[in-house]
Amino acid sequence: MNAELQRLAVEVDLQSERQMPLRLRFGFACVQRVRHLLEAPEAIDALDTLGAFLEGRCDAQALARVQERMATVARSHPGSASIDASAHAAVSATYAVFHAVTGHALQAAEYAAYATVYAYGAYALSDPDAFAEEFAWQVSEFCSLSKGCAVPFGA
C-alpha cells in the first residue's frame, strides 16, 4: 500500500463525487504505465475507451458499457501457473484497468504497482523497496493531476 498516496487522497477528499474526474484521470495514468502488460483485448479496448472519455471523444454511456464488461473480464482472466510471474502481471494490470474505468483510482494504482513488480518476478513482491519507484511516481503524478500537494513527498 502506498501510504503517502493514501494520505494525499484523504487530503483532497478523493472519494467525494466531485473528485470523479481526478479519480478517472489518475487511474488512467497509472494503468497507462502497465498497458504493455495487458493481454486481454477487452482490457486494452477498455483503457482506450477511458482515454477517449477523458478526452471528450466518447460519452458516459460508452464508459458505462466498458465498466460492465471489465467486471467480467477481470474476474475471468486465466492467470498463470508459470514461475516467472509474467501472467500474474497481466492479471494485476487487468484488474488495474477494471478499477480505473470504474473510478476506483487508489485500487487501480495498487494493482498497477503490483503489475509492475510482478513483471520483475514474483520474488520481488516480498521486497518493499521493489515498489518504491512506482509509489514515488504515483505520488508525483497524483500531485500533478490534483494541482499540487500541500506537503511534498517524503516530507
N, C-alpha and C. Protein backbone atom coordinates (compact mmCIF):
# COMPACT_ATOMS: atom_id res chain seq x y z
N MET A 1 0.84 -1.18 0.00
CA MET A 1 0.00 0.00 0.00
C MET A 1 0.89 1.24 0.00
N ASN A 2 0.51 2.21 -0.80
CA ASN A 2 1.25 3.46 -0.92
C ASN A 2 0.69 4.44 0.13
N ALA A 3 1.31 4.46 1.28
CA ALA A 3 0.80 5.26 2.41
C ALA A 3 0.74 6.75 2.09
N GLU A 4 1.72 7.26 1.39
CA GLU A 4 1.73 8.69 1.05
C GLU A 4 0.58 9.01 0.09
N LEU A 5 0.33 8.15 -0.85
CA LEU A 5 -0.79 8.35 -1.77
C LEU A 5 -2.12 8.30 -1.02
N GLN A 6 -2.23 7.38 -0.10
CA GLN A 6 -3.45 7.29 0.73
C GLN A 6 -3.67 8.59 1.50
N ARG A 7 -2.60 9.11 2.06
CA ARG A 7 -2.71 10.35 2.83
C ARG A 7 -3.16 11.51 1.95
N LEU A 8 -2.57 11.60 0.76
CA LEU A 8 -2.94 12.68 -0.17
C LEU A 8 -4.38 12.54 -0.64
N ALA A 9 -4.83 11.32 -0.82
CA ALA A 9 -6.21 11.08 -1.24
C ALA A 9 -7.19 11.59 -0.19
N VAL A 10 -6.87 11.37 1.06
CA VAL A 10 -7.72 11.89 2.15
C VAL A 10 -7.69 13.42 2.14
N GLU A 11 -6.51 13.96 1.93
CA GLU A 11 -6.33 15.41 1.95
C GLU A 11 -7.20 16.12 0.90
N VAL A 12 -7.36 15.50 -0.27
CA VAL A 12 -8.16 16.12 -1.33
C VAL A 12 -9.58 15.56 -1.39
N ASP A 13 -9.94 14.72 -0.42
CA ASP A 13 -11.26 14.10 -0.38
C ASP A 13 -11.55 13.36 -1.69
N LEU A 14 -10.62 12.50 -2.08
CA LEU A 14 -10.68 11.82 -3.36
C LEU A 14 -11.96 11.00 -3.55
N GLN A 15 -12.53 10.49 -2.48
CA GLN A 15 -13.71 9.64 -2.61
C GLN A 15 -15.00 10.43 -2.85
N SER A 16 -14.94 11.73 -2.74
CA SER A 16 -16.16 12.52 -2.97
C SER A 16 -16.54 12.47 -4.45
N GLU A 17 -17.82 12.64 -4.72
CA GLU A 17 -18.30 12.59 -6.10
C GLU A 17 -17.67 13.68 -6.96
N ARG A 18 -17.39 14.82 -6.38
CA ARG A 18 -16.80 15.91 -7.16
C ARG A 18 -15.40 15.57 -7.66
N GLN A 19 -14.79 14.56 -7.08
CA GLN A 19 -13.43 14.16 -7.48
C GLN A 19 -13.41 13.03 -8.50
N MET A 20 -14.58 12.65 -9.01
CA MET A 20 -14.61 11.58 -10.01
C MET A 20 -13.69 11.88 -11.21
N PRO A 21 -13.65 13.09 -11.75
CA PRO A 21 -12.72 13.34 -12.86
C PRO A 21 -11.26 13.07 -12.48
N LEU A 22 -10.86 13.45 -11.28
CA LEU A 22 -9.50 13.19 -10.82
C LEU A 22 -9.27 11.69 -10.67
N ARG A 23 -10.24 10.99 -10.11
CA ARG A 23 -10.09 9.54 -9.95
C ARG A 23 -9.91 8.86 -11.31
N LEU A 24 -10.71 9.26 -12.29
CA LEU A 24 -10.59 8.66 -13.61
C LEU A 24 -9.26 8.99 -14.26
N ARG A 25 -8.84 10.24 -14.16
CA ARG A 25 -7.57 10.65 -14.78
C ARG A 25 -6.37 9.96 -14.12
N PHE A 26 -6.40 9.90 -12.79
CA PHE A 26 -5.28 9.27 -12.10
C PHE A 26 -5.24 7.77 -12.36
N GLY A 27 -6.39 7.12 -12.30
CA GLY A 27 -6.44 5.68 -12.60
C GLY A 27 -5.93 5.40 -14.00
N PHE A 28 -6.35 6.22 -14.95
CA PHE A 28 -5.90 6.07 -16.34
C PHE A 28 -4.38 6.22 -16.43
N ALA A 29 -3.84 7.23 -15.78
CA ALA A 29 -2.40 7.46 -15.82
C ALA A 29 -1.63 6.27 -15.25
N CYS A 30 -2.11 5.72 -14.16
CA CYS A 30 -1.43 4.57 -13.55
C CYS A 30 -1.45 3.35 -14.47
N VAL A 31 -2.59 3.12 -15.09
CA VAL A 31 -2.71 1.93 -15.93
C VAL A 31 -1.96 2.10 -17.25
N GLN A 32 -1.85 3.30 -17.74
CA GLN A 32 -1.07 3.52 -18.96
C GLN A 32 0.36 3.02 -18.77
N ARG A 33 0.87 3.09 -17.54
CA ARG A 33 2.24 2.64 -17.27
C ARG A 33 2.40 1.13 -17.38
N VAL A 34 1.31 0.39 -17.28
CA VAL A 34 1.38 -1.07 -17.38
C VAL A 34 0.61 -1.60 -18.59
N ARG A 35 0.25 -0.71 -19.48
CA ARG A 35 -0.50 -1.10 -20.68
C ARG A 35 0.19 -2.26 -21.42
N HIS A 36 1.50 -2.22 -21.50
CA HIS A 36 2.26 -3.25 -22.22
C HIS A 36 2.10 -4.64 -21.60
N LEU A 37 1.60 -4.71 -20.37
CA LEU A 37 1.42 -5.99 -19.70
C LEU A 37 0.03 -6.59 -19.95
N LEU A 38 -0.87 -5.81 -20.52
CA LEU A 38 -2.23 -6.29 -20.77
C LEU A 38 -2.23 -7.33 -21.88
N GLU A 39 -2.98 -8.40 -21.66
CA GLU A 39 -3.11 -9.47 -22.64
C GLU A 39 -4.49 -9.50 -23.27
N ALA A 40 -5.51 -9.21 -22.48
CA ALA A 40 -6.89 -9.31 -22.96
C ALA A 40 -7.22 -8.11 -23.86
N PRO A 41 -7.63 -8.36 -25.10
CA PRO A 41 -8.00 -7.26 -25.98
C PRO A 41 -9.10 -6.37 -25.38
N GLU A 42 -10.01 -6.99 -24.62
CA GLU A 42 -11.08 -6.20 -23.99
C GLU A 42 -10.53 -5.20 -22.99
N ALA A 43 -9.46 -5.57 -22.29
CA ALA A 43 -8.85 -4.66 -21.32
C ALA A 43 -8.18 -3.49 -22.04
N ILE A 44 -7.52 -3.79 -23.14
CA ILE A 44 -6.90 -2.72 -23.93
C ILE A 44 -7.97 -1.79 -24.48
N ASP A 45 -9.05 -2.37 -25.00
CA ASP A 45 -10.16 -1.55 -25.51
C ASP A 45 -10.77 -0.70 -24.41
N ALA A 46 -10.90 -1.26 -23.21
CA ALA A 46 -11.47 -0.51 -22.09
C ALA A 46 -10.58 0.66 -21.73
N LEU A 47 -9.29 0.44 -21.71
CA LEU A 47 -8.36 1.52 -21.41
C LEU A 47 -8.44 2.60 -22.48
N ASP A 48 -8.54 2.18 -23.73
CA ASP A 48 -8.69 3.15 -24.82
C ASP A 48 -10.00 3.94 -24.70
N THR A 49 -11.05 3.26 -24.29
CA THR A 49 -12.34 3.94 -24.11
C THR A 49 -12.25 4.95 -22.98
N LEU A 50 -11.60 4.59 -21.89
CA LEU A 50 -11.42 5.55 -20.80
C LEU A 50 -10.64 6.77 -21.30
N GLY A 51 -9.59 6.53 -22.05
CA GLY A 51 -8.83 7.65 -22.61
C GLY A 51 -9.69 8.53 -23.50
N ALA A 52 -10.52 7.90 -24.33
CA ALA A 52 -11.43 8.66 -25.20
C ALA A 52 -12.43 9.45 -24.38
N PHE A 53 -12.93 8.85 -23.31
CA PHE A 53 -13.87 9.56 -22.44
C PHE A 53 -13.21 10.79 -21.82
N LEU A 54 -12.00 10.61 -21.33
CA LEU A 54 -11.29 11.72 -20.70
C LEU A 54 -10.99 12.84 -21.69
N GLU A 55 -10.84 12.49 -22.96
CA GLU A 55 -10.59 13.49 -23.99
C GLU A 55 -11.88 14.03 -24.61
N GLY A 56 -13.03 13.55 -24.13
CA GLY A 56 -14.30 14.01 -24.67
C GLY A 56 -14.69 13.39 -26.00
N ARG A 57 -14.06 12.28 -26.36
CA ARG A 57 -14.35 11.63 -27.64
C ARG A 57 -15.38 10.52 -27.54
N CYS A 58 -15.87 10.22 -26.34
CA CYS A 58 -16.98 9.29 -26.17
C CYS A 58 -17.78 9.71 -24.94
N ASP A 59 -18.98 9.19 -24.83
CA ASP A 59 -19.88 9.64 -23.76
C ASP A 59 -19.89 8.68 -22.57
N ALA A 60 -20.64 9.08 -21.56
CA ALA A 60 -20.73 8.30 -20.32
C ALA A 60 -21.36 6.94 -20.56
N GLN A 61 -22.24 6.82 -21.54
CA GLN A 61 -22.85 5.52 -21.84
C GLN A 61 -21.80 4.52 -22.34
N ALA A 62 -20.90 4.99 -23.18
CA ALA A 62 -19.82 4.12 -23.66
C ALA A 62 -18.94 3.68 -22.50
N LEU A 63 -18.65 4.60 -21.60
CA LEU A 63 -17.85 4.26 -20.43
C LEU A 63 -18.59 3.26 -19.54
N ALA A 64 -19.89 3.45 -19.37
CA ALA A 64 -20.68 2.52 -18.55
C ALA A 64 -20.66 1.11 -19.13
N ARG A 65 -20.73 1.00 -20.45
CA ARG A 65 -20.67 -0.34 -21.08
C ARG A 65 -19.33 -1.00 -20.81
N VAL A 66 -18.26 -0.22 -20.87
CA VAL A 66 -16.93 -0.74 -20.61
C VAL A 66 -16.81 -1.16 -19.14
N GLN A 67 -17.38 -0.39 -18.24
CA GLN A 67 -17.34 -0.73 -16.82
C GLN A 67 -17.97 -2.08 -16.58
N GLU A 68 -19.13 -2.32 -17.18
CA GLU A 68 -19.81 -3.61 -17.02
C GLU A 68 -18.98 -4.74 -17.59
N ARG A 69 -18.44 -4.53 -18.77
CA ARG A 69 -17.65 -5.57 -19.43
C ARG A 69 -16.38 -5.90 -18.65
N MET A 70 -15.73 -4.89 -18.12
CA MET A 70 -14.47 -5.12 -17.40
C MET A 70 -14.66 -5.90 -16.11
N ALA A 71 -15.82 -5.81 -15.50
CA ALA A 71 -16.08 -6.61 -14.30
C ALA A 71 -15.95 -8.09 -14.64
N THR A 72 -16.47 -8.48 -15.79
CA THR A 72 -16.38 -9.87 -16.24
C THR A 72 -14.97 -10.22 -16.69
N VAL A 73 -14.36 -9.34 -17.47
CA VAL A 73 -13.02 -9.61 -17.99
C VAL A 73 -12.03 -9.80 -16.85
N ALA A 74 -12.07 -8.93 -15.86
CA ALA A 74 -11.12 -9.02 -14.75
C ALA A 74 -11.30 -10.32 -13.98
N ARG A 75 -12.53 -10.71 -13.73
CA ARG A 75 -12.78 -11.94 -12.97
C ARG A 75 -12.43 -13.20 -13.76
N SER A 76 -12.45 -13.11 -15.08
CA SER A 76 -12.26 -14.31 -15.88
C SER A 76 -10.86 -14.46 -16.45
N HIS A 77 -9.93 -13.58 -16.08
CA HIS A 77 -8.55 -13.73 -16.59
C HIS A 77 -8.01 -15.06 -16.12
N PRO A 78 -7.40 -15.83 -17.03
CA PRO A 78 -6.98 -17.18 -16.66
C PRO A 78 -5.82 -17.25 -15.67
N GLY A 79 -5.08 -16.20 -15.50
CA GLY A 79 -3.94 -16.27 -14.58
C GLY A 79 -2.84 -17.13 -15.15
N SER A 80 -2.01 -17.61 -14.29
CA SER A 80 -0.88 -18.39 -14.78
C SER A 80 -0.31 -19.27 -13.69
N ALA A 81 0.19 -20.40 -14.13
CA ALA A 81 0.93 -21.28 -13.22
C ALA A 81 2.43 -21.13 -13.47
N SER A 82 2.81 -20.18 -14.31
CA SER A 82 4.22 -20.02 -14.66
C SER A 82 5.01 -19.52 -13.46
N ILE A 83 6.29 -19.85 -13.46
CA ILE A 83 7.12 -19.42 -12.33
C ILE A 83 7.70 -18.04 -12.53
N ASP A 84 7.58 -17.48 -13.74
CA ASP A 84 8.17 -16.16 -13.97
C ASP A 84 7.23 -15.01 -13.62
N ALA A 85 6.01 -15.31 -13.30
CA ALA A 85 5.01 -14.33 -12.84
C ALA A 85 4.54 -13.37 -13.93
N SER A 86 4.90 -13.60 -15.18
CA SER A 86 4.50 -12.67 -16.24
C SER A 86 2.99 -12.63 -16.40
N ALA A 87 2.32 -13.77 -16.33
CA ALA A 87 0.87 -13.75 -16.45
C ALA A 87 0.23 -13.13 -15.22
N HIS A 88 0.87 -13.26 -14.06
CA HIS A 88 0.36 -12.60 -12.86
C HIS A 88 0.39 -11.09 -13.04
N ALA A 89 1.41 -10.60 -13.72
CA ALA A 89 1.49 -9.17 -14.02
C ALA A 89 0.32 -8.77 -14.91
N ALA A 90 -0.03 -9.61 -15.87
CA ALA A 90 -1.16 -9.33 -16.76
C ALA A 90 -2.47 -9.33 -15.99
N VAL A 91 -2.62 -10.25 -15.05
CA VAL A 91 -3.83 -10.28 -14.22
C VAL A 91 -3.95 -8.99 -13.41
N SER A 92 -2.86 -8.60 -12.77
CA SER A 92 -2.88 -7.36 -11.98
C SER A 92 -3.16 -6.15 -12.86
N ALA A 93 -2.56 -6.11 -14.04
CA ALA A 93 -2.80 -4.99 -14.96
C ALA A 93 -4.26 -4.96 -15.40
N THR A 94 -4.85 -6.13 -15.61
CA THR A 94 -6.27 -6.20 -16.00
C THR A 94 -7.16 -5.70 -14.88
N TYR A 95 -6.87 -6.09 -13.65
CA TYR A 95 -7.63 -5.57 -12.51
C TYR A 95 -7.43 -4.06 -12.37
N ALA A 96 -6.24 -3.58 -12.69
CA ALA A 96 -5.99 -2.13 -12.65
C ALA A 96 -6.91 -1.41 -13.63
N VAL A 97 -7.08 -1.98 -14.82
CA VAL A 97 -7.98 -1.37 -15.81
C VAL A 97 -9.40 -1.34 -15.26
N PHE A 98 -9.85 -2.47 -14.73
CA PHE A 98 -11.21 -2.52 -14.16
C PHE A 98 -11.42 -1.40 -13.14
N HIS A 99 -10.48 -1.26 -12.23
CA HIS A 99 -10.62 -0.23 -11.19
C HIS A 99 -10.50 1.18 -11.77
N ALA A 100 -9.67 1.35 -12.77
CA ALA A 100 -9.52 2.68 -13.38
C ALA A 100 -10.82 3.11 -14.07
N VAL A 101 -11.43 2.22 -14.85
CA VAL A 101 -12.65 2.61 -15.57
C VAL A 101 -13.83 2.81 -14.65
N THR A 102 -13.79 2.21 -13.46
CA THR A 102 -14.89 2.38 -12.51
C THR A 102 -14.64 3.50 -11.51
N GLY A 103 -13.53 4.21 -11.68
CA GLY A 103 -13.25 5.35 -10.82
C GLY A 103 -12.69 5.02 -9.47
N HIS A 104 -12.16 3.82 -9.32
CA HIS A 104 -11.51 3.41 -8.07
C HIS A 104 -10.01 3.59 -8.23
N ALA A 105 -9.60 4.84 -8.20
CA ALA A 105 -8.23 5.21 -8.55
C ALA A 105 -7.18 4.60 -7.64
N LEU A 106 -7.42 4.56 -6.35
CA LEU A 106 -6.40 4.01 -5.44
C LEU A 106 -6.21 2.53 -5.67
N GLN A 107 -7.29 1.83 -5.94
CA GLN A 107 -7.18 0.40 -6.24
C GLN A 107 -6.49 0.20 -7.59
N ALA A 108 -6.79 1.05 -8.56
CA ALA A 108 -6.11 0.97 -9.86
C ALA A 108 -4.61 1.17 -9.67
N ALA A 109 -4.25 2.14 -8.86
CA ALA A 109 -2.83 2.41 -8.59
C ALA A 109 -2.18 1.21 -7.91
N GLU A 110 -2.87 0.62 -6.97
CA GLU A 110 -2.31 -0.53 -6.25
C GLU A 110 -2.09 -1.71 -7.19
N TYR A 111 -3.09 -2.02 -8.00
CA TYR A 111 -2.93 -3.14 -8.94
C TYR A 111 -1.86 -2.83 -9.99
N ALA A 112 -1.78 -1.59 -10.43
CA ALA A 112 -0.74 -1.22 -11.39
C ALA A 112 0.65 -1.39 -10.77
N ALA A 113 0.79 -1.02 -9.52
CA ALA A 113 2.08 -1.21 -8.84
C ALA A 113 2.41 -2.70 -8.73
N TYR A 114 1.42 -3.51 -8.37
CA TYR A 114 1.66 -4.95 -8.31
C TYR A 114 2.05 -5.49 -9.68
N ALA A 115 1.37 -5.03 -10.73
CA ALA A 115 1.71 -5.49 -12.08
C ALA A 115 3.15 -5.15 -12.41
N THR A 116 3.57 -3.95 -12.06
CA THR A 116 4.94 -3.52 -12.32
C THR A 116 5.93 -4.42 -11.61
N VAL A 117 5.67 -4.70 -10.35
CA VAL A 117 6.59 -5.52 -9.56
C VAL A 117 6.54 -6.98 -10.00
N TYR A 118 5.33 -7.49 -10.31
CA TYR A 118 5.22 -8.86 -10.83
C TYR A 118 6.03 -9.01 -12.12
N ALA A 119 6.08 -7.95 -12.92
CA ALA A 119 6.83 -8.03 -14.17
C ALA A 119 8.32 -8.25 -13.91
N TYR A 120 8.82 -7.80 -12.75
CA TYR A 120 10.21 -8.10 -12.38
C TYR A 120 10.36 -9.58 -12.08
N GLY A 121 9.36 -10.12 -11.43
CA GLY A 121 9.36 -11.52 -10.99
C GLY A 121 8.66 -11.61 -9.65
N ALA A 122 8.01 -12.74 -9.40
CA ALA A 122 7.24 -12.90 -8.18
C ALA A 122 8.09 -12.70 -6.93
N TYR A 123 9.38 -13.01 -7.00
CA TYR A 123 10.26 -12.86 -5.85
C TYR A 123 10.28 -11.41 -5.35
N ALA A 124 10.06 -10.46 -6.23
CA ALA A 124 10.15 -9.04 -5.87
C ALA A 124 9.02 -8.59 -4.95
N LEU A 125 7.91 -9.31 -4.95
CA LEU A 125 6.77 -8.91 -4.12
C LEU A 125 7.10 -8.86 -2.64
N SER A 126 8.05 -9.66 -2.23
CA SER A 126 8.41 -9.69 -0.81
C SER A 126 9.39 -8.57 -0.43
N ASP A 127 9.81 -7.78 -1.40
CA ASP A 127 10.76 -6.70 -1.14
C ASP A 127 10.04 -5.36 -1.24
N PRO A 128 9.75 -4.72 -0.11
CA PRO A 128 9.04 -3.43 -0.15
C PRO A 128 9.74 -2.38 -1.01
N ASP A 129 11.05 -2.46 -1.11
CA ASP A 129 11.79 -1.50 -1.93
C ASP A 129 11.47 -1.64 -3.42
N ALA A 130 10.97 -2.80 -3.83
CA ALA A 130 10.63 -3.01 -5.24
C ALA A 130 9.49 -2.09 -5.67
N PHE A 131 8.70 -1.62 -4.72
CA PHE A 131 7.57 -0.75 -5.01
C PHE A 131 7.94 0.73 -4.96
N ALA A 132 9.09 1.05 -4.42
CA ALA A 132 9.44 2.45 -4.13
C ALA A 132 9.38 3.35 -5.35
N GLU A 133 9.94 2.94 -6.45
CA GLU A 133 9.96 3.79 -7.65
C GLU A 133 8.54 4.05 -8.16
N GLU A 134 7.73 3.00 -8.22
CA GLU A 134 6.36 3.17 -8.70
C GLU A 134 5.53 4.02 -7.73
N PHE A 135 5.70 3.79 -6.45
CA PHE A 135 4.97 4.59 -5.46
C PHE A 135 5.35 6.06 -5.56
N ALA A 136 6.62 6.34 -5.75
CA ALA A 136 7.07 7.73 -5.88
C ALA A 136 6.46 8.36 -7.13
N TRP A 137 6.45 7.62 -8.23
CA TRP A 137 5.82 8.14 -9.45
C TRP A 137 4.34 8.44 -9.21
N GLN A 138 3.66 7.51 -8.56
CA GLN A 138 2.22 7.69 -8.30
C GLN A 138 1.96 8.97 -7.50
N VAL A 139 2.75 9.19 -6.47
CA VAL A 139 2.57 10.40 -5.65
C VAL A 139 2.82 11.64 -6.50
N SER A 140 3.87 11.62 -7.28
CA SER A 140 4.19 12.75 -8.14
C SER A 140 3.08 13.03 -9.15
N GLU A 141 2.59 11.97 -9.78
CA GLU A 141 1.52 12.12 -10.78
C GLU A 141 0.23 12.60 -10.12
N PHE A 142 -0.08 12.06 -8.96
CA PHE A 142 -1.29 12.49 -8.25
C PHE A 142 -1.20 13.97 -7.91
N CYS A 143 -0.05 14.40 -7.43
CA CYS A 143 0.13 15.82 -7.11
C CYS A 143 -0.02 16.68 -8.35
N SER A 144 0.51 16.22 -9.45
CA SER A 144 0.40 16.97 -10.70
C SER A 144 -1.06 17.08 -11.15
N LEU A 145 -1.77 15.97 -11.12
CA LEU A 145 -3.16 15.96 -11.56
C LEU A 145 -4.10 16.69 -10.61
N SER A 146 -3.76 16.69 -9.33
CA SER A 146 -4.63 17.36 -8.35
C SER A 146 -4.19 18.80 -8.11
N LYS A 147 -3.35 19.30 -8.97
CA LYS A 147 -2.88 20.70 -8.92
C LYS A 147 -2.01 20.98 -7.71
N GLY A 148 -1.17 20.02 -7.37
CA GLY A 148 -0.20 20.25 -6.31
C GLY A 148 -0.56 19.57 -5.01
N CYS A 149 0.43 19.38 -4.21
CA CYS A 149 0.26 18.77 -2.89
C CYS A 149 0.59 19.78 -1.82
N ALA A 150 -0.12 19.67 -0.73
CA ALA A 150 0.15 20.57 0.39
C ALA A 150 1.49 20.24 1.05
N VAL A 151 1.84 18.96 1.05
CA VAL A 151 3.08 18.53 1.67
C VAL A 151 3.86 17.72 0.64
N PRO A 152 5.10 18.08 0.34
CA PRO A 152 5.86 17.34 -0.67
C PRO A 152 6.11 15.91 -0.24
N PHE A 153 6.25 15.02 -1.21
CA PHE A 153 6.52 13.61 -0.96
C PHE A 153 7.78 13.47 -0.11
N GLY A 154 7.68 12.62 0.90
CA GLY A 154 8.83 12.33 1.75
C GLY A 154 9.06 13.35 2.86
N ALA A 155 8.23 14.38 2.94
CA ALA A 155 8.43 15.41 3.98
C ALA A 155 7.90 14.94 5.30
